[in-house]
Protein backbone atom coordinates (compact mmCIF):
# COMPACT_ATOMS: atom_id res chain seq x y z
CA MET A 1 -44.74 -58.05 31.28
CA ARG A 2 -44.75 -57.00 34.95
CA ARG A 3 -47.63 -59.37 35.70
CA THR A 4 -45.84 -62.25 34.01
CA LEU A 5 -42.66 -61.57 35.99
CA LEU A 6 -44.63 -61.31 39.24
CA ALA A 7 -46.50 -64.57 38.61
CA ALA A 8 -43.26 -66.30 37.68
CA ALA A 9 -41.62 -65.03 40.88
CA VAL A 10 -44.48 -66.44 42.97
CA LEU A 11 -44.25 -69.83 41.28
CA LEU A 12 -40.47 -69.90 41.53
CA ALA A 13 -40.80 -69.36 45.26
CA LEU A 14 -42.66 -72.67 45.60
CA PRO A 15 -40.76 -75.41 47.39
CA ALA A 16 -39.05 -78.27 45.59
CA ALA A 17 -41.11 -79.92 42.91
CA GLY A 18 -43.83 -82.33 43.82
CA ARG A 19 -44.95 -83.96 46.98
CA ALA A 20 -42.72 -86.26 48.99
CA GLY A 21 -42.93 -89.76 47.56
CA ASP A 22 -44.43 -88.56 44.27
CA ALA A 23 -43.32 -90.68 41.30
CA PHE A 24 -42.21 -87.61 39.36
CA SER A 25 -40.08 -86.15 42.14
CA ASP A 26 -38.68 -89.60 42.96
CA PHE A 27 -37.58 -90.22 39.36
CA ARG A 28 -33.84 -90.63 38.90
CA ILE A 29 -31.93 -90.43 35.64
CA PRO A 30 -30.49 -93.85 34.69
CA ASP A 31 -26.76 -93.97 34.05
CA HIS A 32 -26.46 -94.35 30.28
CA HIS A 33 -24.10 -93.33 27.50
CA GLU A 34 -24.12 -93.59 23.75
CA HIS A 35 -22.12 -92.61 20.72
CA VAL A 36 -22.90 -92.46 17.04
CA TYR A 37 -20.93 -91.90 13.84
CA ALA A 38 -22.66 -91.24 10.55
CA ALA A 39 -21.71 -90.10 7.07
CA SER A 40 -23.59 -89.66 3.83
CA LEU A 41 -22.73 -88.83 0.24
CA SER A 42 -25.20 -87.97 -2.48
CA ALA A 43 -25.28 -86.22 -5.82
CA TYR A 44 -27.66 -85.35 -8.58
CA ALA A 45 -27.37 -84.05 -12.12
CA ASP A 46 -29.84 -83.07 -14.79
CA ARG A 47 -29.76 -81.78 -18.31
CA SER A 48 -32.40 -80.40 -20.63
CA SER A 49 -32.51 -78.88 -24.09
CA SER A 50 -35.11 -77.51 -26.44
CA ASN A 51 -35.18 -76.64 -30.11
CA SER A 52 -37.60 -74.80 -32.34
CA PRO A 53 -37.22 -72.98 -35.66
CA GLY A 54 -34.61 -70.28 -35.16
CA THR A 55 -34.15 -70.97 -31.42
CA SER A 56 -32.29 -73.47 -29.24
CA ALA A 57 -31.67 -73.56 -25.48
CA PHE A 58 -30.03 -75.80 -22.93
CA SER A 59 -29.46 -76.09 -19.18
CA ARG A 60 -27.26 -78.33 -17.06
CA ASN A 61 -27.12 -78.70 -13.28
CA ALA A 62 -25.10 -80.84 -10.89
CA SER A 63 -24.75 -80.91 -7.13
CA PRO A 64 -22.74 -83.27 -4.90
CA MET A 65 -23.36 -83.25 -1.13
CA PHE A 66 -21.41 -84.74 1.76
CA GLY A 67 -22.26 -84.81 5.43
CA ALA A 68 -20.75 -86.38 8.53
CA GLN A 69 -21.47 -86.24 12.22
CA ALA A 70 -20.24 -87.72 15.46
CA ARG A 71 -21.82 -87.51 18.88
CA TRP A 72 -20.80 -88.71 22.30
CA THR A 73 -23.17 -88.38 25.26
CA ARG A 74 -23.48 -89.59 28.82
CA ASP A 75 -26.13 -88.86 31.40
CA SER A 76 -26.67 -89.85 35.00
CA GLU A 77 -27.64 -88.35 38.32
CA ALA A 78 -24.09 -87.24 39.11
CA ARG A 79 -22.90 -85.94 35.75
CA GLN A 80 -23.88 -85.33 32.18
CA TRP A 81 -21.93 -84.38 29.08
CA ASP A 82 -22.79 -84.09 25.41
CA ILE A 83 -20.35 -83.49 22.55
CA GLY A 84 -21.46 -83.19 18.96
CA LEU A 85 -19.44 -82.53 15.81
CA ILE A 86 -21.19 -81.91 12.50
CA GLY A 87 -19.62 -81.17 9.13
CA SER A 88 -20.99 -80.78 5.65
CA ALA A 89 -19.91 -79.72 2.19
CA ARG A 90 -21.93 -79.00 -0.92
CA GLY A 91 -21.19 -77.87 -4.43
CA ASP A 92 -23.54 -76.59 -7.12
CA TRP A 93 -22.79 -76.15 -10.79
CA ALA A 94 -25.24 -74.71 -13.27
CA SER A 95 -24.97 -73.57 -16.85
CA SER A 96 -27.54 -72.41 -19.32
CA GLY A 97 -27.65 -70.72 -22.66
CA GLY A 98 -29.37 -70.37 -25.93
CA VAL A 99 -29.12 -69.23 -29.50
CA ARG A 100 -31.73 -67.25 -31.36
CA VAL A 101 -31.54 -66.26 -35.02
CA ASP A 102 -33.64 -63.58 -36.72
CA PRO A 103 -32.96 -64.27 -40.43
CA GLY A 104 -31.77 -61.23 -42.27
CA TYR A 105 -31.41 -59.17 -39.08
CA ALA A 106 -29.35 -60.59 -36.20
CA SER A 107 -28.29 -63.61 -34.16
CA TYR A 108 -28.00 -63.88 -30.34
CA ASP A 109 -25.83 -66.30 -28.40
CA GLN A 110 -26.12 -66.15 -24.60
CA SER A 111 -24.58 -68.35 -21.91
CA ASP A 112 -24.48 -68.25 -18.11
CA ARG A 113 -22.41 -70.34 -15.73
CA SER A 114 -22.44 -70.36 -11.96
CA SER A 115 -20.67 -72.37 -9.30
CA ASN A 116 -21.20 -72.41 -5.57
CA ALA A 117 -19.33 -74.14 -2.75
CA LEU A 118 -20.51 -74.29 0.85
CA GLU A 119 -18.58 -75.84 3.74
CA SER A 120 -19.60 -75.87 7.37
CA VAL A 121 -18.29 -77.32 10.62
CA ARG A 122 -20.01 -77.05 13.98
CA LEU A 123 -19.01 -78.15 17.46
CA VAL A 124 -21.54 -78.14 20.31
CA SER A 125 -20.72 -79.37 23.79
CA SER A 126 -22.17 -79.09 27.26
CA ALA A 127 -21.49 -80.57 30.67
CA ARG A 128 -23.20 -80.66 34.04
CA THR A 129 -21.99 -82.15 37.29
CA TYR A 130 -23.23 -82.48 40.86
CA PRO A 131 -20.03 -83.33 42.76
CA PHE A 132 -21.47 -83.09 46.27
CA ARG A 133 -24.27 -84.68 48.24
CA VAL A 134 -26.13 -81.40 48.29
CA PRO A 135 -27.85 -80.34 45.02
CA LEU A 136 -25.13 -77.89 43.95
CA GLY A 137 -24.69 -78.07 40.20
CA ILE A 138 -21.92 -76.77 37.97
CA THR A 139 -22.58 -76.29 34.25
CA ALA A 140 -20.37 -75.44 31.30
CA SER A 141 -20.89 -75.15 27.55
CA LEU A 142 -18.74 -74.53 24.50
CA SER A 143 -19.75 -74.00 20.90
CA ALA A 144 -17.83 -73.17 17.74
CA SER A 145 -18.84 -72.99 14.13
CA SER A 146 -17.37 -72.11 10.77
CA LEU A 147 -19.36 -71.38 7.63
CA ASP A 148 -17.52 -70.69 4.38
CA GLN A 149 -19.16 -69.96 1.05
CA GLN A 150 -17.75 -69.17 -2.36
CA THR A 151 -19.63 -68.31 -5.55
CA TRP A 152 -18.45 -67.76 -9.10
CA ASP A 153 -20.81 -66.36 -11.73
CA ARG A 154 -19.96 -65.88 -15.41
CA SER A 155 -22.10 -64.56 -18.23
CA SER A 156 -21.53 -64.01 -21.93
CA ASP A 157 -23.81 -62.30 -24.42
CA LEU A 158 -22.79 -62.27 -28.10
CA ARG A 159 -24.90 -60.36 -30.60
CA GLN A 160 -24.25 -60.14 -34.33
CA TYR A 161 -26.26 -57.64 -36.35
CA VAL A 162 -26.57 -57.83 -40.15
CA VAL A 163 -28.81 -54.77 -40.33
CA PRO A 164 -28.01 -51.89 -40.36
CA THR A 165 -24.95 -52.19 -42.54
CA PRO A 166 -22.10 -52.57 -42.12
CA ALA A 167 -22.49 -55.69 -39.93
CA GLN A 168 -21.72 -55.21 -36.22
CA THR A 169 -20.65 -57.56 -33.44
CA GLN A 170 -21.28 -56.87 -29.72
CA LEU A 171 -19.85 -59.01 -26.93
CA ALA A 172 -20.66 -58.44 -23.24
CA VAL A 173 -18.82 -60.50 -20.63
CA GLY A 174 -19.47 -60.31 -16.89
CA SER A 175 -18.16 -62.05 -13.81
CA ARG A 176 -18.81 -61.88 -10.10
CA GLU A 177 -16.91 -63.74 -7.40
CA THR A 178 -17.90 -63.75 -3.74
CA TRP A 179 -16.09 -65.20 -0.74
CA SER A 180 -17.65 -65.26 2.71
CA TYR A 181 -15.97 -66.70 5.79
CA TYR A 182 -17.80 -66.74 9.13
CA GLN A 183 -16.55 -68.03 12.50
CA GLN A 184 -18.31 -68.11 15.85
CA VAL A 185 -17.15 -69.15 19.30
CA GLY A 186 -19.28 -69.17 22.42
CA ALA A 187 -18.78 -70.38 25.97
CA GLY A 188 -20.71 -70.33 29.20
CA VAL A 189 -20.34 -71.38 32.82
CA GLY A 190 -22.81 -71.44 35.65
CA VAL A 191 -23.47 -72.69 39.13
CA GLY A 192 -26.81 -73.25 40.78
CA TRP A 193 -28.79 -74.84 43.56
CA GLY A 194 -31.41 -77.46 42.82
CA ARG A 195 -32.10 -79.97 40.09
CA VAL A 196 -34.62 -80.21 37.24
CA ARG A 197 -35.09 -83.63 35.68
CA ASP A 198 -37.06 -84.68 32.61
CA ALA A 199 -39.51 -87.14 34.17
CA SER A 200 -41.59 -87.67 31.01
CA GLY A 201 -40.88 -91.39 31.28
CA VAL A 202 -43.02 -91.53 34.42
CA HIS A 203 -45.94 -89.97 32.54
CA VAL A 204 -45.71 -92.43 29.63
CA ALA A 205 -45.09 -95.49 31.80
CA GLU A 206 -48.17 -94.87 33.97
CA TRP A 207 -50.43 -94.39 30.96
CA MET A 208 -49.02 -97.55 29.36
CA GLU A 209 -49.74 -99.54 32.51
CA ARG A 210 -53.35 -98.31 32.51
CA ARG A 211 -53.75 -99.32 28.86
CA TRP A 212 -52.31 -102.78 29.44
CA MET A 213 -54.57 -103.34 32.44
CA ARG A 214 -57.63 -102.44 30.32
CA ASP A 215 -56.39 -104.72 27.54
CA HIS A 216 -55.89 -107.58 30.07
CA ALA A 217 -52.25 -107.82 29.02
CA LEU A 218 -51.21 -107.59 32.70
CA ALA A 219 -52.36 -110.03 35.35
CA ARG A 220 -51.81 -107.43 38.09
CA PRO A 221 -50.46 -103.89 38.53
CA LEU A 222 -46.72 -103.48 38.22
CA SER A 223 -44.55 -103.42 41.31
CA ASP A 224 -43.01 -100.10 42.32
CA ALA A 225 -39.57 -101.31 41.23
CA ALA A 226 -40.82 -102.41 37.79
CA ARG A 227 -42.77 -99.17 37.34
CA ALA A 228 -39.64 -97.12 38.15
CA LYS A 229 -37.52 -99.21 35.78
CA LEU A 230 -40.10 -98.86 33.02
CA ALA A 231 -40.10 -95.06 33.49
CA GLN A 232 -36.31 -95.01 33.17
CA LEU A 233 -36.53 -97.14 30.03
CA PHE A 234 -39.00 -94.74 28.42
CA SER A 235 -36.69 -91.84 29.33
CA ILE A 236 -33.92 -93.25 27.10
CA ARG A 237 -36.19 -94.44 24.29
CA SER A 238 -34.82 -91.91 21.79
CA SER A 239 -31.28 -93.24 22.36
CA TYR A 240 -32.19 -96.51 20.63
CA GLY A 241 -32.19 -94.49 17.40
CA TYR A 242 -28.43 -93.99 17.72
CA VAL A 243 -27.94 -97.72 17.17
CA HIS A 244 -30.84 -98.99 15.07
CA ASP A 245 -32.43 -97.74 11.86
CA ARG A 246 -35.74 -99.11 13.18
CA PRO A 247 -35.36 -98.79 16.94
CA ASP A 248 -38.91 -99.69 18.05
CA LYS A 249 -38.31 -103.43 17.73
CA ALA A 250 -35.41 -103.40 20.18
CA PHE A 251 -37.09 -100.94 22.53
CA TRP A 252 -40.34 -102.89 22.91
CA ARG A 253 -38.37 -106.12 23.34
CA ASP A 254 -36.73 -104.55 26.39
CA VAL A 255 -40.07 -103.23 27.67
CA GLU A 256 -41.52 -106.72 27.49
CA SER A 257 -38.49 -108.06 29.37
CA VAL A 258 -39.22 -105.66 32.26
CA LEU A 259 -42.84 -106.83 32.40
CA ARG A 260 -41.83 -110.48 32.25
CA GLU A 261 -39.19 -110.15 34.98
CA ASP A 262 -41.80 -108.52 37.22
CA GLY A 263 -44.15 -111.45 36.67
CA ALA A 264 -47.00 -109.12 35.74
CA LEU A 265 -47.60 -110.39 32.20
CA ALA A 266 -50.90 -112.22 31.84
CA HIS A 267 -49.58 -114.24 28.89
CA ASP A 268 -46.21 -115.21 27.43
CA GLY A 269 -45.91 -111.70 25.96
CA LEU A 270 -47.85 -108.68 24.81
CA ASP A 271 -50.36 -109.72 22.18
CA ALA A 272 -50.78 -107.87 18.89
CA TRP A 273 -53.59 -105.65 20.24
CA ALA A 274 -51.69 -104.59 23.37
CA SER A 275 -48.47 -104.04 21.42
CA ASN A 276 -50.13 -101.76 18.87
CA HIS A 277 -52.23 -100.02 21.53
CA ALA A 278 -48.99 -99.05 23.26
CA LEU A 279 -47.89 -97.28 20.07
CA ASP A 280 -50.93 -95.00 20.04
CA ALA A 281 -49.84 -91.45 20.81
CA LEU A 282 -51.21 -89.75 23.89
CA THR A 283 -53.38 -86.69 23.27
CA ALA A 284 -50.97 -83.76 23.34
CA THR A 285 -51.48 -80.17 24.40
CA SER A 286 -50.55 -77.29 22.14
CA PHE A 287 -47.61 -76.54 24.44
CA GLY A 288 -45.73 -79.83 24.44
CA SER A 289 -45.92 -82.99 26.49
CA ALA A 290 -42.64 -83.01 28.45
CA ARG A 291 -43.04 -83.62 32.20
CA ALA A 292 -40.15 -82.03 34.10
CA SER A 293 -39.75 -82.16 37.85
CA GLY A 294 -37.62 -80.10 40.22
CA TRP A 295 -36.30 -76.58 40.65
CA PHE A 296 -33.08 -74.73 39.95
CA VAL A 297 -31.71 -71.23 40.56
CA GLY A 298 -28.26 -69.81 39.96
CA PRO A 299 -26.02 -67.32 38.14
CA GLN A 300 -24.45 -67.88 34.75
CA VAL A 301 -21.89 -66.17 32.52
CA ALA A 302 -21.91 -66.42 28.73
CA THR A 303 -19.61 -64.98 26.09
CA GLU A 304 -19.75 -65.03 22.31
CA GLN A 305 -17.35 -63.86 19.63
CA THR A 306 -18.11 -63.70 15.91
CA HIS A 307 -15.95 -62.76 12.95
CA GLN A 308 -16.90 -62.55 9.29
CA VAL A 309 -14.96 -61.57 6.19
CA VAL A 310 -16.78 -60.88 2.93
CA ARG A 311 -15.01 -60.22 -0.35
CA VAL A 312 -16.70 -59.41 -3.64
CA ASP A 313 -14.94 -58.99 -7.00
CA VAL A 314 -16.90 -57.76 -10.02
CA ALA A 315 -15.65 -57.47 -13.59
CA ASN A 316 -17.68 -56.42 -16.64
CA SER A 317 -16.56 -55.71 -20.18
CA ILE A 318 -18.27 -54.87 -23.44
CA SER A 319 -16.78 -54.70 -26.90
CA MET A 320 -18.30 -53.59 -30.20
CA SER A 321 -16.74 -53.99 -33.63
CA SER A 322 -17.59 -53.51 -37.28
CA VAL A 323 -15.72 -53.14 -40.51
CA ALA A 324 -15.47 -49.38 -39.95
CA SER A 325 -14.80 -49.12 -36.18
CA SER A 326 -14.32 -50.87 -32.83
CA ALA A 327 -14.80 -49.97 -29.16
CA TYR A 328 -14.04 -51.58 -25.82
CA ASP A 329 -15.02 -50.73 -22.23
CA GLU A 330 -14.14 -52.52 -18.99
CA PHE A 331 -15.13 -52.11 -15.33
CA ARG A 332 -13.55 -53.81 -12.33
CA GLN A 333 -14.27 -53.44 -8.63
CA GLY A 334 -13.26 -55.29 -5.49
CA VAL A 335 -14.79 -54.85 -2.04
CA ARG A 336 -13.64 -56.44 1.23
CA GLN A 337 -15.62 -56.06 4.45
CA VAL A 338 -14.91 -57.33 7.97
CA PHE A 339 -17.58 -57.70 10.66
CA SER A 340 -16.85 -58.64 14.27
CA THR A 341 -18.96 -58.80 17.40
CA SER A 342 -18.13 -59.51 21.02
CA SER A 343 -20.43 -59.82 24.00
CA THR A 344 -20.27 -61.11 27.55
CA THR A 345 -23.34 -61.29 29.74
CA VAL A 346 -23.95 -62.17 33.36
CA GLY A 347 -27.38 -63.34 34.42
CA LEU A 348 -29.54 -65.20 36.88
CA VAL A 349 -31.84 -68.04 35.84
CA ALA A 350 -34.57 -69.64 37.92
CA GLN A 351 -36.76 -72.57 36.97
CA VAL A 352 -39.40 -74.65 38.68
CA ALA A 353 -41.34 -77.63 37.32
CA ARG A 354 -44.07 -79.28 39.33
CA ALA A 355 -46.05 -82.37 38.43
CA PHE A 356 -49.33 -82.53 40.35
CA GLY A 357 -49.97 -86.22 39.87
CA LEU A 358 -50.45 -87.84 36.49
CA ARG A 359 -52.77 -85.22 35.05
CA THR A 360 -51.40 -81.74 35.80
CA GLN A 361 -48.10 -79.99 35.07
CA LEU A 362 -46.97 -76.47 35.91
CA ASP A 363 -43.67 -74.98 34.65
CA ALA A 364 -42.10 -71.56 35.11
CA ILE A 365 -38.77 -70.12 34.09
CA ALA A 366 -37.34 -66.62 34.46
CA PHE A 367 -34.08 -65.03 33.36
CA ALA A 368 -32.44 -61.67 33.90
CA GLY A 369 -29.08 -60.69 32.48
CA ALA A 370 -26.92 -57.75 31.51
CA ASP A 371 -23.76 -56.90 29.64
CA VAL A 372 -20.71 -56.94 31.91
CA ARG A 373 -19.78 -53.49 30.59
CA GLY A 374 -22.89 -51.93 32.11
CA LEU A 375 -26.64 -52.25 32.53
CA ARG A 376 -27.31 -49.39 30.13
CA ARG A 377 -25.38 -51.13 27.35
CA TYR A 378 -27.59 -54.23 27.34
CA THR A 379 -30.14 -55.62 29.79
CA GLU A 380 -32.56 -58.47 29.24
CA ALA A 381 -35.39 -59.98 31.31
CA SER A 382 -37.83 -62.72 30.35
CA ALA A 383 -40.34 -65.03 32.00
CA GLU A 384 -42.62 -67.85 30.89
CA ILE A 385 -45.33 -69.86 32.64
CA VAL A 386 -46.92 -72.98 31.13
CA ALA A 387 -49.79 -74.98 32.64
CA ARG A 388 -51.09 -78.26 31.20
CA CYS A 389 -53.71 -80.79 32.18
CA TRP A 390 -54.69 -84.21 30.83
CA ILE A 391 -58.13 -85.71 31.48
CA ASP A 392 -57.85 -89.42 30.79
CA GLU A 393 -56.46 -89.93 27.28
CA ARG A 394 -59.10 -87.83 25.55
CA TRP A 395 -58.79 -84.29 26.87
CA ALA A 396 -55.69 -82.12 26.94
CA LEU A 397 -55.71 -78.50 28.05
CA GLY A 398 -52.88 -75.99 28.08
CA ALA A 399 -52.15 -72.32 28.68
CA ARG A 400 -49.02 -70.22 28.36
CA THR A 401 -48.04 -66.67 29.18
CA ALA A 402 -44.68 -65.13 28.41
CA GLY A 403 -43.02 -61.72 28.43
CA SER A 404 -39.62 -60.24 27.63
CA ARG A 405 -37.87 -56.88 27.81
CA THR A 406 -34.55 -55.73 26.39
CA ILE A 407 -32.78 -52.40 26.94
CA THR A 408 -29.85 -51.40 24.76
CA ALA A 409 -27.49 -48.46 24.57
CA ALA A 410 -28.66 -45.39 22.68
CA ASP A 411 -26.05 -45.95 19.93
CA ALA A 412 -26.75 -49.68 19.59
CA TYR A 413 -28.00 -51.11 16.32
CA GLN A 414 -30.92 -52.90 17.97
CA PRO A 415 -33.64 -50.79 19.62
CA ASP A 416 -35.25 -51.41 23.01
CA THR A 417 -38.03 -53.98 22.76
CA TRP A 418 -40.69 -55.59 24.88
CA SER A 419 -43.27 -58.28 24.17
CA ALA A 420 -46.09 -60.10 25.92
CA LEU A 421 -48.02 -63.21 24.97
CA ALA A 422 -50.97 -65.16 26.37
CA GLU A 423 -52.50 -68.20 24.74
CA GLY A 424 -54.58 -71.24 25.62
CA GLY A 425 -55.77 -74.37 23.88
CA LEU A 426 -57.91 -77.47 24.29
CA SER A 427 -57.79 -80.78 22.42
CA TYR A 428 -60.30 -83.62 22.46
CA TYR A 429 -60.00 -87.00 20.80
CA LEU A 430 -62.35 -89.97 20.98
CA GLU A 431 -61.05 -92.79 18.83
CA ASP A 432 -63.29 -93.74 15.88
CA HIS A 433 -65.73 -90.93 16.71
CA TRP A 434 -64.66 -87.33 17.31
CA SER A 435 -61.69 -85.00 17.27
CA ALA A 436 -61.81 -81.33 18.18
CA GLY A 437 -59.44 -78.55 19.06
CA VAL A 438 -59.34 -74.85 19.82
CA LEU A 439 -56.36 -72.52 20.19
CA ALA A 440 -56.54 -68.80 21.00
CA SER A 441 -53.73 -66.32 21.54
CA ILE A 442 -53.12 -62.63 21.95
CA ALA A 443 -49.73 -60.97 21.64
CA ARG A 444 -48.27 -57.49 21.70
CA SER A 445 -44.78 -56.21 21.03
CA MET A 446 -43.08 -52.84 20.66
CA ARG A 447 -39.76 -51.50 19.45
CA ASP A 448 -38.61 -48.30 21.08
CA VAL A 449 -37.48 -46.52 17.93
CA PRO A 450 -38.37 -42.91 17.10
CA SER A 451 -41.69 -44.08 15.64
CA HIS A 452 -42.39 -46.45 18.59
CA ASP A 453 -43.45 -49.34 16.39
CA SER A 454 -46.19 -51.37 18.10
CA VAL A 455 -47.73 -54.63 16.93
CA ARG A 456 -50.85 -56.32 18.27
CA GLN A 457 -51.91 -59.74 17.11
CA GLY A 458 -54.82 -61.99 17.98
CA ARG A 459 -55.50 -65.47 16.66
CA ILE A 460 -58.09 -68.17 17.11
CA GLN A 461 -58.06 -71.59 15.52
CA LEU A 462 -60.92 -74.09 15.59
CA GLY A 463 -61.19 -77.61 14.24
CA ILE A 464 -63.63 -80.46 14.55
CA GLY A 465 -63.90 -83.85 12.90
CA TRP A 466 -66.35 -86.74 12.96
CA ASN A 467 -66.24 -90.17 11.45
CA ARG A 468 -68.06 -93.46 11.69
CA GLY A 469 -67.45 -96.62 9.72
CA ALA A 470 -68.03 -100.35 9.56
CA LEU A 471 -66.26 -103.37 8.09
CA ASP A 472 -67.96 -106.70 7.35
CA ALA A 473 -66.32 -109.77 5.85
CA PRO A 474 -68.66 -112.73 6.59
CA GLY A 475 -66.81 -115.98 7.11
CA LEU A 476 -63.45 -114.21 7.50
CA ILE A 477 -63.67 -111.90 10.50
CA ALA A 478 -66.18 -110.76 13.06
CA PRO A 479 -67.94 -107.44 12.24
CA VAL A 480 -65.62 -104.49 12.88
CA ARG A 481 -67.29 -101.53 14.52
CA PRO A 482 -66.08 -98.26 16.15
CA LEU A 483 -64.58 -98.63 19.61
CA ASP A 484 -66.71 -97.71 22.58
């Protein structure tokens, strides 16, 4: 853990991400905004029954589901905000039972019914603004959620005995009702110096240009302006999904427009080969493919309040009767519990992301925070370093190290903990020929309880694949062979 924190501190001390004039550090977030509204309603029901001599059984189930969401987002260099509202409701009904008859002895009639209702609402929002010329950022977040659940269970068991005489009847009835209501509210504010941008669009755009040049889809390299615009377009690619069910058609239409306006297209448009080649995924590392650029450091304050009420009512009764006697017994119990938590932490976060050209990426993030009521009540520190490298489109290497430490009060429910992790991986892919990968990791964690629980874990994963094929259709197509 100390080594991870020290390494992270060294990396965080590096100057602003990238070299001057580097495409990643020069990337700017395009001003864009989107909104989406969606709702869905579905239901299912099933029924089954079975019969055999002396026995019959049945079951019935039904469940309607409703969901709705709304989201409003905007992002740009100067400001960003994101508001999302999600709601859902679901009901479940189930019943089952059966009758069994033992001629000359007894008959059994059992039935069970259960109902369940679940409703949830969640609000998530965040905002970031850079109101000045200097890279001074102000952040804020707000979240709230409500999760309510109710269950009703009923059971009935009727038994009628012919033997021994006189005949007896026994009826057992049970019920259980549960109500659970949970609410959560969280908020955070922060201020910091610096800026970290997701410049993954630069990474994708440069690889696409190289592919199109090899495929002779471009008559010349793209201009700097077209390359920058293409990178911005790739950065908002996922936003097309807010509008279209099949967003790729609209997205690649706009990509082709950028190429055409730049005058770099070798033909009227991208041919079928170049279009489909662009869809081929880049070889990914085991630690993601995002390419961030920049640095940021600053304090933040976060608070969270939770409240939960749980109520359980149980009722059971049993009655027995015969010609000569009868008996009845009943049990009822109700329990109500209330759980509440409150926490406010103050911390310092530092992040740096550096892209060393098209092939290498180095990211580090560190956080330290404590409860405002005192360091001994709750203190947390964590750090993570991730390094990745791409060699052409075939090789991808990655390594990650991370550590964390938490210290809690002696009377706290959670014990002190610490953990450390180191892992590395390599992927290789040669289209139509080979694929291979290796991933190795070692981890250790400990909980500072009276027994000092300690866990060590090591893992290695290997995989390799080979294939070779051929397709011949004389008179229809030229022989199809593996790519070089």
